[in-house]
Amino acid sequence: MAVVAGLALVLPLSATGAKPPPKPAPKPPPVGRIDLPNGWQPEGIAIGRGNTFYVGSISTGRVWRGDLRNGRGSVLVPSRGRQAMGVAVDQRNRLFVAGGASGEGYVYDAGNGADIAQYHFAGGSTFVNDVVVTPSAAWFTDSFRKFLYKVPIAQNGRLGAAQAIRLKGAIVYTGGFNVNGIDATPDGKTLIIDQTNTGKLFTVTRRGVTRPIRLGGVTVPGDGILLRGRTLYTVVRSPADAVVVIGLRANLSSGTVLRTIADSGLDDPTAVEERSISLYAVNARLSTPARPDVEYWVTRLRR
C-alpha cells in the first residue's frame, strides 16, 4: 500500500484531477506599519466592527477602509470636493466625518460609503476638526470658533438637526488652533477636549460648561485624543512626535503624565485609536510638502 500511495503522489495533476495549489497570499505589511495610498494626506482614524479601520483624506474628503490584520483596503468614500479631518463610527455602522474649513460635518454608511447626512455648522473663519459619537449625540469641535456642534441621535438612531453649543467656563480661545481632539466617557455625559495652542485639557458638560483638567503645571499640546477608562492617550507633534499617556483622577479634575510612547515610525501624528493591546496612530506628515508620490501610513504601537 505504501508503494501504491507513493506512485499516486507522482502522477500528473491532470491524471489525478487535483487542482493546482492556490497562489500564496500577499505578505502583510511590517508589524509596525500599515501603508495608505501615496498622496493620501490623512488626519483622522476610527476603528469600527471587527478589524476594520477608516482614515480620511484632508485634501479630497475621501475615506479609506482597511483591515488592521493585513493592511489591505480600498476607497470607501470617493472624492466629493470635501475635506475629511476627524472620523468616528457609531454602533449603527455610520461614519461621522469632520469637514475642516468647510464648516461642515458628514455622515456616511460605513458599509458602502453612501451619503446619509450633511450638516453646515458654520461659515467664515471656522475649522471643524474632530468628532466623537456618544449614545445620544455626535459632537464636533471647531478650532477657530468657541463652539461644539451637536448632532442629536434618537433612541431609534434617527439623526436630528444640528445645534451649536457655546463653550463656557474655564476655556479661553486665543490665536491659532484652539480645541482640537475630543472624546467622551462611555455614558456620553462628560466630554474631554484638548486645546492645542495652550496645551490644556478640559472636561465639558453637554451644556458646554468647561472645567480644567489640571496636570500639575504640565502642558500637553495635543492633537487627537483617546479616552479608555481613566487613561487618556494624547497625540503630540511638539516637542517630538509621540503619544503622551495621562492617568486621570476618578472625577476627571486632574491627572498625571505617566509616560510617553515614542517610535521612529511616527511622523506628525494627528490621531490615535486602539484595538486590544495596540494603538494605531495616523501620520499626517504635515511638515512634508504634499505630493502624489508622498508615502503615508498608520503606525502600530504597543500600549
C-alpha atoms as a PDB file:
ATOM      1  CA  MET A   1       0.000   0.000   0.000  1.00  0.00           C
ATOM      2  CA  ALA A   2       2.841   2.371   0.752  1.00  0.00           C
ATOM      3  CA  VAL A   3       4.295   1.827  -2.729  1.00  0.00           C
ATOM      4  CA  VAL A   4       0.934   2.455  -4.421  1.00  0.00           C
ATOM      5  CA  ALA A   5       0.437   5.636  -2.447  1.00  0.00           C
ATOM      6  CA  GLY A   6       3.875   6.792  -3.462  1.00  0.00           C
ATOM      7  CA  LEU A   7       3.095   6.223  -7.130  1.00  0.00           C
ATOM      8  CA  ALA A   8      -0.135   8.142  -6.846  1.00  0.00           C
ATOM      9  CA  LEU A   9       1.694  11.166  -5.499  1.00  0.00           C
ATOM     10  CA  VAL A  10       3.886  11.483  -8.592  1.00  0.00           C
ATOM     11  CA  LEU A  11       1.054  11.275 -11.165  1.00  0.00           C
ATOM     12  CA  PRO A  12       0.443  14.445 -13.192  1.00  0.00           C
ATOM     13  CA  LEU A  13      -2.193  16.779 -11.833  1.00  0.00           C
ATOM     14  CA  SER A  14      -4.359  16.248 -14.912  1.00  0.00           C
ATOM     15  CA  ALA A  15      -4.382  12.495 -14.298  1.00  0.00           C
ATOM     16  CA  THR A  16      -5.414  12.777 -10.668  1.00  0.00           C
ATOM     17  CA  GLY A  17      -7.984  15.539 -11.222  1.00  0.00           C
ATOM     18  CA  ALA A  18      -6.399  17.660  -8.482  1.00  0.00           C
ATOM     19  CA  LYS A  19      -6.481  21.465  -8.721  1.00  0.00           C
ATOM     20  CA  PRO A  20      -3.260  23.483  -8.821  1.00  0.00           C
ATOM     21  CA  PRO A  21      -2.236  24.770  -5.402  1.00  0.00           C
ATOM     22  CA  PRO A  22      -3.541  28.277  -4.651  1.00  0.00           C
ATOM     23  CA  LYS A  23      -1.220  31.214  -5.066  1.00  0.00           C
ATOM     24  CA  PRO A  24       0.334  32.352  -1.794  1.00  0.00           C
ATOM     25  CA  ALA A  25      -1.421  35.322  -0.182  1.00  0.00           C
ATOM     26  CA  PRO A  26       0.390  38.664  -0.367  1.00  0.00           C
ATOM     27  CA  LYS A  27       2.722  39.245   2.514  1.00  0.00           C
ATOM     28  CA  PRO A  28       1.253  41.512   5.201  1.00  0.00           C
ATOM     29  CA  PRO A  29       2.882  44.889   5.840  1.00  0.00           C
ATOM     30  CA  PRO A  30       5.508  45.244   8.566  1.00  0.00           C
ATOM     31  CA  VAL A  31       4.054  44.794  12.047  1.00  0.00           C
ATOM     32  CA  GLY A  32       4.580  48.406  12.986  1.00  0.00           C
ATOM     33  CA  ARG A  33       3.175  49.987   9.823  1.00  0.00           C
ATOM     34  CA  ILE A  34       0.026  49.916   7.694  1.00  0.00           C
ATOM     35  CA  ASP A  35       0.508  51.705   4.395  1.00  0.00           C
ATOM     36  CA  LEU A  36      -2.055  54.100   2.972  1.00  0.00           C
ATOM     37  CA  PRO A  37      -2.186  55.141  -0.687  1.00  0.00           C
ATOM     38  CA  ASN A  38       0.567  57.529  -1.740  1.00  0.00           C
ATOM     39  CA  GLY A  39      -0.539  61.157  -1.603  1.00  0.00           C
ATOM     40  CA  TRP A  40      -3.457  60.365   0.718  1.00  0.00           C
ATOM     41  CA  GLN A  41      -2.851  63.164   3.288  1.00  0.00           C
ATOM     42  CA  PRO A  42      -4.612  61.522   6.263  1.00  0.00           C
ATOM     43  CA  GLU A  43      -5.698  63.179   9.507  1.00  0.00           C
ATOM     44  CA  GLY A  44      -8.228  61.109  11.493  1.00  0.00           C
ATOM     45  CA  ILE A  45      -8.650  57.404  12.186  1.00  0.00           C
ATOM     46  CA  ALA A  46     -11.515  55.308  13.537  1.00  0.00           C
ATOM     47  CA  ILE A  47     -11.815  51.579  14.188  1.00  0.00           C
ATOM     48  CA  GLY A  48     -15.210  50.018  13.566  1.00  0.00           C
ATOM     49  CA  ARG A  49     -16.531  46.493  13.544  1.00  0.00           C
ATOM     50  CA  GLY A  50     -14.017  43.683  13.833  1.00  0.00           C
ATOM     51  CA  ASN A  51     -10.644  44.796  12.499  1.00  0.00           C
ATOM     52  CA  THR A  52     -11.969  47.427  10.097  1.00  0.00           C
ATOM     53  CA  PHE A  53     -10.398  50.877  10.240  1.00  0.00           C
ATOM     54  CA  TYR A  54     -11.207  54.140   8.468  1.00  0.00           C
ATOM     55  CA  VAL A  55      -8.874  57.020   7.571  1.00  0.00           C
ATOM     56  CA  GLY A  56      -9.980  60.263   5.940  1.00  0.00           C
ATOM     57  CA  SER A  57      -8.099  62.415   3.434  1.00  0.00           C
ATOM     58  CA  ILE A  58      -7.601  66.109   4.246  1.00  0.00           C
ATOM     59  CA  SER A  59      -7.323  67.284   0.650  1.00  0.00           C
ATOM     60  CA  THR A  60     -10.059  65.258  -1.059  1.00  0.00           C
ATOM     61  CA  GLY A  61     -12.561  64.160   1.599  1.00  0.00           C
ATOM     62  CA  ARG A  62     -12.091  60.549   0.594  1.00  0.00           C
ATOM     63  CA  VAL A  63     -12.218  57.787   3.200  1.00  0.00           C
ATOM     64  CA  TRP A  64     -10.060  54.669   3.096  1.00  0.00           C
ATOM     65  CA  ARG A  65     -11.359  51.449   4.652  1.00  0.00           C
ATOM     66  CA  GLY A  66      -8.804  48.809   5.567  1.00  0.00           C
ATOM     67  CA  ASP A  67      -8.131  45.720   7.648  1.00  0.00           C
ATOM     68  CA  LEU A  68      -5.835  46.006  10.668  1.00  0.00           C
ATOM     69  CA  ARG A  69      -4.700  42.379  10.299  1.00  0.00           C
ATOM     70  CA  ASN A  70      -3.214  42.554   6.826  1.00  0.00           C
ATOM     71  CA  GLY A  71      -3.264  46.243   5.874  1.00  0.00           C
ATOM     72  CA  ARG A  72      -5.297  45.679   2.718  1.00  0.00           C
ATOM     73  CA  GLY A  73      -8.068  48.119   1.892  1.00  0.00           C
ATOM     74  CA  SER A  74      -9.790  50.313  -0.676  1.00  0.00           C
ATOM     75  CA  VAL A  75     -11.522  53.657  -1.106  1.00  0.00           C
ATOM     76  CA  LEU A  76     -14.895  53.633   0.658  1.00  0.00           C
ATOM     77  CA  VAL A  77     -15.901  57.280   0.098  1.00  0.00           C
ATOM     78  CA  PRO A  78     -14.711  58.811  -3.191  1.00  0.00           C
ATOM     79  CA  SER A  79     -13.675  62.407  -3.683  1.00  0.00           C
ATOM     80  CA  ARG A  80     -16.632  64.781  -3.482  1.00  0.00           C
ATOM     81  CA  GLY A  81     -14.858  68.110  -3.193  1.00  0.00           C
ATOM     82  CA  ARG A  82     -14.842  67.902   0.595  1.00  0.00           C
ATOM     83  CA  GLN A  83     -12.325  67.638   3.417  1.00  0.00           C
ATOM     84  CA  ALA A  84     -12.080  64.793   5.898  1.00  0.00           C
ATOM     85  CA  MET A  85     -10.471  65.514   9.247  1.00  0.00           C
ATOM     86  CA  GLY A  86     -11.517  63.564  12.355  1.00  0.00           C
ATOM     87  CA  VAL A  87     -13.644  60.436  11.854  1.00  0.00           C
ATOM     88  CA  ALA A  88     -15.775  58.303  14.177  1.00  0.00           C
ATOM     89  CA  VAL A  89     -18.014  55.229  13.799  1.00  0.00           C
ATOM     90  CA  ASP A  90     -21.202  54.569  15.745  1.00  0.00           C
ATOM     91  CA  GLN A  91     -22.934  51.322  16.757  1.00  0.00           C
ATOM     92  CA  ARG A  92     -25.184  51.511  13.703  1.00  0.00           C
ATOM     93  CA  ASN A  93     -22.166  51.388  11.387  1.00  0.00           C
ATOM     94  CA  ARG A  94     -22.367  55.033  10.374  1.00  0.00           C
ATOM     95  CA  LEU A  95     -19.248  57.063   9.736  1.00  0.00           C
ATOM     96  CA  PHE A  96     -19.154  60.653  11.048  1.00  0.00           C
ATOM     97  CA  VAL A  97     -16.569  62.946   9.434  1.00  0.00           C
ATOM     98  CA  ALA A  98     -15.407  66.459  10.408  1.00  0.00           C
ATOM     99  CA  GLY A  99     -15.209  68.722   7.368  1.00  0.00           C
ATOM    100  CA  GLY A 100     -12.410  71.143   8.302  1.00  0.00           C
ATOM    101  CA  ALA A 101     -12.500  74.640   6.778  1.00  0.00           C
ATOM    102  CA  SER A 102     -15.853  73.972   5.087  1.00  0.00           C
ATOM    103  CA  GLY A 103     -17.560  74.307   8.471  1.00  0.00           C
ATOM    104  CA  GLU A 104     -19.418  71.094   7.736  1.00  0.00           C
ATOM    105  CA  GLY A 105     -19.862  67.573   9.041  1.00  0.00           C
ATOM    106  CA  TYR A 106     -20.796  64.462   7.071  1.00  0.00           C
ATOM    107  CA  VAL A 107     -22.368  61.107   7.823  1.00  0.00           C
ATOM    108  CA  TYR A 108     -21.754  58.105   5.575  1.00  0.00           C
ATOM    109  CA  ASP A 109     -22.797  54.476   5.533  1.00  0.00           C
ATOM    110  CA  ALA A 110     -19.665  52.698   6.803  1.00  0.00           C
ATOM    111  CA  GLY A 111     -20.625  49.621   4.786  1.00  0.00           C
ATOM    112  CA  ASN A 112     -20.942  51.102   1.310  1.00  0.00           C
ATOM    113  CA  GLY A 113     -19.852  54.743   1.639  1.00  0.00           C
ATOM    114  CA  ALA A 114     -23.225  56.191   0.693  1.00  0.00           C
ATOM    115  CA  ASP A 115     -24.219  59.662   1.888  1.00  0.00           C
ATOM    116  CA  ILE A 116     -26.572  59.689   4.877  1.00  0.00           C
ATOM    117  CA  ALA A 117     -26.469  63.333   6.000  1.00  0.00           C
ATOM    118  CA  GLN A 118     -24.605  66.598   5.517  1.00  0.00           C
ATOM    119  CA  TYR A 119     -24.546  69.417   8.095  1.00  0.00           C
ATOM    120  CA  HIS A 120     -23.409  73.006   7.647  1.00  0.00           C
ATOM    121  CA  PHE A 121     -22.377  74.119  11.124  1.00  0.00           C
ATOM    122  CA  ALA A 122     -20.702  77.481  10.485  1.00  0.00           C
ATOM    123  CA  GLY A 123     -19.299  79.808   7.847  1.00  0.00           C
ATOM    124  CA  GLY A 124     -16.432  82.270   7.700  1.00  0.00           C
ATOM    125  CA  SER A 125     -13.449  81.594   9.951  1.00  0.00           C
ATOM    126  CA  THR A 126     -14.124  78.041  11.070  1.00  0.00           C
ATOM    127  CA  PHE A 127     -12.365  74.685  11.200  1.00  0.00           C
ATOM    128  CA  VAL A 128     -14.417  71.625  12.134  1.00  0.00           C
ATOM    129  CA  ASN A 129     -11.611  69.422  13.364  1.00  0.00           C
ATOM    130  CA  ASP A 130     -12.699  66.285  15.201  1.00  0.00           C
ATOM    131  CA  VAL A 131     -15.757  64.259  16.186  1.00  0.00           C
ATOM    132  CA  VAL A 132     -16.857  61.750  18.824  1.00  0.00           C
ATOM    133  CA  VAL A 133     -20.082  59.745  18.897  1.00  0.00           C
ATOM    134  CA  THR A 134     -21.880  59.130  22.212  1.00  0.00           C
ATOM    135  CA  PRO A 135     -25.099  57.163  22.822  1.00  0.00           C
ATOM    136  CA  SER A 136     -27.219  60.279  22.305  1.00  0.00           C
ATOM    137  CA  ALA A 137     -25.227  62.596  20.008  1.00  0.00           C
ATOM    138  CA  ALA A 138     -22.268  63.201  17.738  1.00  0.00           C
ATOM    139  CA  TRP A 139     -20.071  66.102  18.892  1.00  0.00           C
ATOM    140  CA  PHE A 140     -17.781  68.081  16.562  1.00  0.00           C
ATOM    141  CA  THR A 141     -15.041  70.535  17.595  1.00  0.00           C
ATOM    142  CA  ASP A 142     -14.226  73.857  15.977  1.00  0.00           C
ATOM    143  CA  SER A 143     -10.628  75.043  16.322  1.00  0.00           C
ATOM    144  CA  PHE A 144     -11.429  78.687  15.489  1.00  0.00           C
ATOM    145  CA  ARG A 145     -14.912  79.241  16.919  1.00  0.00           C
ATOM    146  CA  LYS A 146     -15.761  78.777  20.594  1.00  0.00           C
ATOM    147  CA  PHE A 147     -18.423  76.163  19.944  1.00  0.00           C
ATOM    148  CA  LEU A 148     -19.071  72.455  19.848  1.00  0.00           C
ATOM    149  CA  TYR A 149     -21.586  71.244  17.275  1.00  0.00           C
ATOM    150  CA  LYS A 150     -24.052  68.624  18.412  1.00  0.00           C
ATOM    151  CA  VAL A 151     -25.978  66.253  16.150  1.00  0.00           C
ATOM    152  CA  PRO A 152     -28.615  64.546  18.331  1.00  0.00           C
ATOM    153  CA  ILE A 153     -29.140  60.794  17.956  1.00  0.00           C
ATOM    154  CA  ALA A 154     -32.561  59.481  18.994  1.00  0.00           C
ATOM    155  CA  GLN A 155     -33.035  56.081  20.630  1.00  0.00           C
ATOM    156  CA  ASN A 156     -34.137  54.672  17.281  1.00  0.00           C
ATOM    157  CA  GLY A 157     -30.950  56.043  15.694  1.00  0.00           C
ATOM    158  CA  ARG A 158     -32.569  58.926  13.857  1.00  0.00           C
ATOM    159  CA  LEU A 159     -30.282  61.946  13.411  1.00  0.00           C
ATOM    160  CA  GLY A 160     -31.628  65.329  14.493  1.00  0.00           C
ATOM    161  CA  ALA A 161     -30.941  68.899  13.458  1.00  0.00           C
ATOM    162  CA  ALA A 162     -27.508  70.257  14.373  1.00  0.00           C
ATOM    163  CA  GLN A 163     -27.094  72.554  17.364  1.00  0.00           C
ATOM    164  CA  ALA A 164     -24.251  74.978  18.135  1.00  0.00           C
ATOM    165  CA  ILE A 165     -23.255  74.698  21.813  1.00  0.00           C
ATOM    166  CA  ARG A 166     -21.211  77.674  23.004  1.00  0.00           C
ATOM    167  CA  LEU A 167     -18.243  76.770  25.204  1.00  0.00           C
ATOM    168  CA  LYS A 168     -18.396  78.494  28.589  1.00  0.00           C
ATOM    169  CA  GLY A 169     -16.426  78.395  31.803  1.00  0.00           C
ATOM    170  CA  ALA A 170     -12.672  77.980  32.053  1.00  0.00           C
ATOM    171  CA  ILE A 171     -11.586  77.796  28.423  1.00  0.00           C
ATOM    172  CA  VAL A 172     -10.272  80.908  26.677  1.00  0.00           C
ATOM    173  CA  TYR A 173      -9.775  80.933  22.908  1.00  0.00           C
ATOM    174  CA  THR A 174      -6.628  82.644  21.602  1.00  0.00           C
ATOM    175  CA  GLY A 175      -4.920  82.889  18.207  1.00  0.00           C
ATOM    176  CA  GLY A 176      -4.155  79.734  16.254  1.00  0.00           C
ATOM    177  CA  PHE A 177      -5.687  76.279  16.629  1.00  0.00           C
ATOM    178  CA  ASN A 178      -7.693  76.013  19.824  1.00  0.00           C
ATOM    179  CA  VAL A 179      -9.880  72.988  20.580  1.00  0.00           C
ATOM    180  CA  ASN A 180      -8.738  70.044  18.525  1.00  0.00           C
ATOM    181  CA  GLY A 181      -9.366  66.471  19.708  1.00  0.00           C
ATOM    182  CA  ILE A 182     -12.450  65.229  21.531  1.00  0.00           C
ATOM    183  CA  ASP A 183     -13.569  62.077  23.324  1.00  0.00           C
ATOM    184  CA  ALA A 184     -16.256  61.185  25.867  1.00  0.00           C
ATOM    185  CA  THR A 185     -16.981  58.989  28.862  1.00  0.00           C
ATOM    186  CA  PRO A 186     -18.895  55.807  27.947  1.00  0.00           C
ATOM    187  CA  ASP A 187     -22.234  57.255  29.080  1.00  0.00           C
ATOM    188  CA  GLY A 188     -21.669  60.378  26.989  1.00  0.00           C
ATOM    189  CA  LYS A 189     -22.389  62.726  29.878  1.00  0.00           C
ATOM    190  CA  THR A 190     -18.880  64.195  30.012  1.00  0.00           C
ATOM    191  CA  LEU A 191     -16.731  65.211  27.064  1.00  0.00           C
ATOM    192  CA  ILE A 192     -12.964  65.752  27.112  1.00  0.00           C
ATOM    193  CA  ILE A 193     -11.273  68.202  24.753  1.00  0.00           C
ATOM    194  CA  ASP A 194      -7.718  69.387  24.271  1.00  0.00           C
ATOM    195  CA  GLN A 195      -6.618  72.895  23.301  1.00  0.00           C
ATOM    196  CA  THR A 196      -3.573  72.624  21.069  1.00  0.00           C
ATOM    197  CA  ASN A 197      -2.244  76.187  21.286  1.00  0.00           C
ATOM    198  CA  THR A 198      -2.285  76.295  25.105  1.00  0.00           C
ATOM    199  CA  GLY A 199      -1.528  72.646  25.864  1.00  0.00           C
ATOM    200  CA  LYS A 200      -4.532  72.438  28.204  1.00  0.00           C
ATOM    201  CA  LEU A 201      -7.206  69.792  28.724  1.00  0.00           C
ATOM    202  CA  PHE A 202     -10.818  70.360  29.742  1.00  0.00           C
ATOM    203  CA  THR A 203     -13.939  68.453  30.607  1.00  0.00           C
ATOM    204  CA  VAL A 204     -17.150  69.701  29.019  1.00  0.00           C
ATOM    205  CA  THR A 205     -20.738  69.152  30.078  1.00  0.00           C
ATOM    206  CA  ARG A 206     -23.454  68.628  27.497  1.00  0.00           C
ATOM    207  CA  ARG A 207     -24.424  72.276  28.067  1.00  0.00           C
ATOM    208  CA  GLY A 208     -20.924  73.450  27.099  1.00  0.00           C
ATOM    209  CA  VAL A 209     -19.525  74.246  30.564  1.00  0.00           C
ATOM    210  CA  THR A 210     -15.750  73.665  30.580  1.00  0.00           C
ATOM    211  CA  ARG A 211     -13.567  72.830  33.568  1.00  0.00           C
ATOM    212  CA  PRO A 212      -9.784  72.398  33.507  1.00  0.00           C
ATOM    213  CA  ILE A 213      -8.062  69.055  33.916  1.00  0.00           C
ATOM    214  CA  ARG A 214      -5.014  70.051  35.940  1.00  0.00           C
ATOM    215  CA  LEU A 215      -1.733  68.270  35.203  1.00  0.00           C
ATOM    216  CA  GLY A 216       0.411  69.840  37.903  1.00  0.00           C
ATOM    217  CA  GLY A 217       1.660  72.623  35.692  1.00  0.00           C
ATOM    218  CA  VAL A 218       2.474  70.354  32.739  1.00  0.00           C
ATOM    219  CA  THR A 219       1.111  71.354  29.335  1.00  0.00           C
ATOM    220  CA  VAL A 220       0.456  68.862  26.537  1.00  0.00           C
ATOM    221  CA  PRO A 221      -0.052  70.471  23.087  1.00  0.00           C
ATOM    222  CA  GLY A 222      -2.219  67.639  21.857  1.00  0.00           C
ATOM    223  CA  ASP A 223      -3.978  66.880  18.608  1.00  0.00           C
ATOM    224  CA  GLY A 224      -6.217  63.806  18.640  1.00  0.00           C
ATOM    225  CA  ILE A 225      -7.104  62.177  21.973  1.00  0.00           C
ATOM    226  CA  LEU A 226      -8.385  58.771  23.066  1.00  0.00           C
ATOM    227  CA  LEU A 227     -10.018  58.050  26.433  1.00  0.00           C
ATOM    228  CA  ARG A 228     -10.017  54.492  27.730  1.00  0.00           C
ATOM    229  CA  GLY A 229     -11.191  54.155  31.312  1.00  0.00           C
ATOM    230  CA  ARG A 230      -9.173  56.690  33.269  1.00  0.00           C
ATOM    231  CA  THR A 231      -6.286  56.663  30.786  1.00  0.00           C
ATOM    232  CA  LEU A 232      -6.056  59.423  28.207  1.00  0.00           C
ATOM    233  CA  TYR A 233      -3.841  58.965  25.158  1.00  0.00           C
ATOM    234  CA  THR A 234      -2.881  62.297  23.584  1.00  0.00           C
ATOM    235  CA  VAL A 235      -1.089  62.578  20.245  1.00  0.00           C
ATOM    236  CA  VAL A 236       1.554  65.325  20.124  1.00  0.00           C
ATOM    237  CA  ARG A 237       3.924  66.667  17.472  1.00  0.00           C
ATOM    238  CA  SER A 238       5.854  69.033  19.731  1.00  0.00           C
ATOM    239  CA  PRO A 239       8.491  68.902  21.111  1.00  0.00           C
ATOM    240  CA  ALA A 240       8.630  65.449  19.466  1.00  0.00           C
ATOM    241  CA  ASP A 241       6.264  63.065  17.700  1.00  0.00           C
ATOM    242  CA  ALA A 242       4.738  60.827  20.366  1.00  0.00           C
ATOM    243  CA  VAL A 243       1.686  59.650  22.267  1.00  0.00           C
ATOM    244  CA  VAL A 244       1.525  61.046  25.801  1.00  0.00           C
ATOM    245  CA  VAL A 245      -0.201  58.751  28.306  1.00  0.00           C
ATOM    246  CA  ILE A 246      -2.079  60.554  31.092  1.00  0.00           C
ATOM    247  CA  GLY A 247      -3.653  58.943  34.146  1.00  0.00           C
ATOM    248  CA  LEU A 248      -6.813  60.791  35.213  1.00  0.00           C
ATOM    249  CA  ARG A 249      -8.414  61.009  38.654  1.00  0.00           C
ATOM    250  CA  ALA A 250     -11.846  59.471  39.075  1.00  0.00           C
ATOM    251  CA  ASN A 251     -13.590  62.850  38.893  1.00  0.00           C
ATOM    252  CA  LEU A 252     -11.522  63.888  35.841  1.00  0.00           C
ATOM    253  CA  SER A 253     -10.486  67.137  37.526  1.00  0.00           C
ATOM    254  CA  SER A 254      -6.771  66.353  37.420  1.00  0.00           C
ATOM    255  CA  GLY A 255      -4.252  63.892  36.107  1.00  0.00           C
ATOM    256  CA  THR A 256      -0.615  62.878  35.853  1.00  0.00           C
ATOM    257  CA  VAL A 257       1.569  62.260  32.820  1.00  0.00           C
ATOM    258  CA  LEU A 258       2.534  58.597  33.202  1.00  0.00           C
ATOM    259  CA  ARG A 259       4.809  58.070  30.218  1.00  0.00           C
ATOM    260  CA  THR A 260       5.457  58.955  26.607  1.00  0.00           C
ATOM    261  CA  ILE A 261       5.293  56.457  23.746  1.00  0.00           C
ATOM    262  CA  ALA A 262       7.774  57.383  21.024  1.00  0.00           C
ATOM    263  CA  ASP A 263       8.532  55.487  17.831  1.00  0.00           C
ATOM    264  CA  SER A 264      10.680  56.136  14.766  1.00  0.00           C
ATOM    265  CA  GLY A 265       7.625  55.351  12.633  1.00  0.00           C
ATOM    266  CA  LEU A 266       5.750  58.428  13.870  1.00  0.00           C
ATOM    267  CA  ASP A 267       5.819  61.433  11.533  1.00  0.00           C
ATOM    268  CA  ASP A 268       3.487  64.288  12.514  1.00  0.00           C
ATOM    269  CA  PRO A 269       0.832  62.016  14.077  1.00  0.00           C
ATOM    270  CA  THR A 270      -2.606  63.597  14.354  1.00  0.00           C
ATOM    271  CA  ALA A 271      -4.959  60.919  15.735  1.00  0.00           C
ATOM    272  CA  VAL A 272      -4.892  57.636  17.614  1.00  0.00           C
ATOM    273  CA  GLU A 273      -7.183  54.639  18.098  1.00  0.00           C
ATOM    274  CA  GLU A 274      -6.830  51.300  19.874  1.00  0.00           C
ATOM    275  CA  ARG A 275      -7.594  47.634  19.424  1.00  0.00           C
ATOM    276  CA  SER A 276      -6.601  45.038  22.035  1.00  0.00           C
ATOM    277  CA  ILE A 277      -3.034  45.745  23.186  1.00  0.00           C
ATOM    278  CA  SER A 278      -2.171  48.054  20.290  1.00  0.00           C
ATOM    279  CA  LEU A 279      -2.518  51.735  19.494  1.00  0.00           C
ATOM    280  CA  TYR A 280      -2.845  52.907  15.894  1.00  0.00           C
ATOM    281  CA  ALA A 281      -1.583  56.408  15.129  1.00  0.00           C
ATOM    282  CA  VAL A 282      -2.175  58.043  11.747  1.00  0.00           C
ATOM    283  CA  ASN A 283       0.678  60.155  10.396  1.00  0.00           C
ATOM    284  CA  ALA A 284      -0.347  63.336   8.601  1.00  0.00           C
ATOM    285  CA  ARG A 285       3.261  64.267   7.739  1.00  0.00           C
ATOM    286  CA  LEU A 286       2.291  67.934   7.811  1.00  0.00           C
ATOM    287  CA  SER A 287       5.922  69.063   7.635  1.00  0.00           C
ATOM    288  CA  THR A 288       6.413  67.174   4.350  1.00  0.00           C
ATOM    289  CA  PRO A 289       5.276  69.010   1.185  1.00  0.00           C
ATOM    290  CA  ALA A 290       2.182  67.248  -0.167  1.00  0.00           C
ATOM    291  CA  ARG A 291       2.746  65.471  -3.490  1.00  0.00           C
ATOM    292  CA  PRO A 292       1.080  62.490  -5.187  1.00  0.00           C
ATOM    293  CA  ASP A 293       4.155  60.319  -4.557  1.00  0.00           C
ATOM    294  CA  VAL A 294       4.497  61.046  -0.792  1.00  0.00           C
ATOM    295  CA  GLU A 295       4.027  57.971   1.386  1.00  0.00           C
ATOM    296  CA  TYR A 296       1.557  57.943   4.279  1.00  0.00           C
ATOM    297  CA  TRP A 297       0.900  55.258   6.847  1.00  0.00           C
ATOM    298  CA  VAL A 298      -0.608  54.227  10.168  1.00  0.00           C
ATOM    299  CA  THR A 299       1.880  53.305  12.903  1.00  0.00           C
ATOM    300  CA  ARG A 300       1.075  50.433  15.235  1.00  0.00           C
ATOM    301  CA  LEU A 301       2.303  50.959  18.801  1.00  0.00           C
ATOM    302  CA  ARG A 302       2.164  48.754  21.856  1.00  0.00           C
ATOM    303  CA  ARG A 303       0.004  50.222  24.621  1.00  0.00           C
END
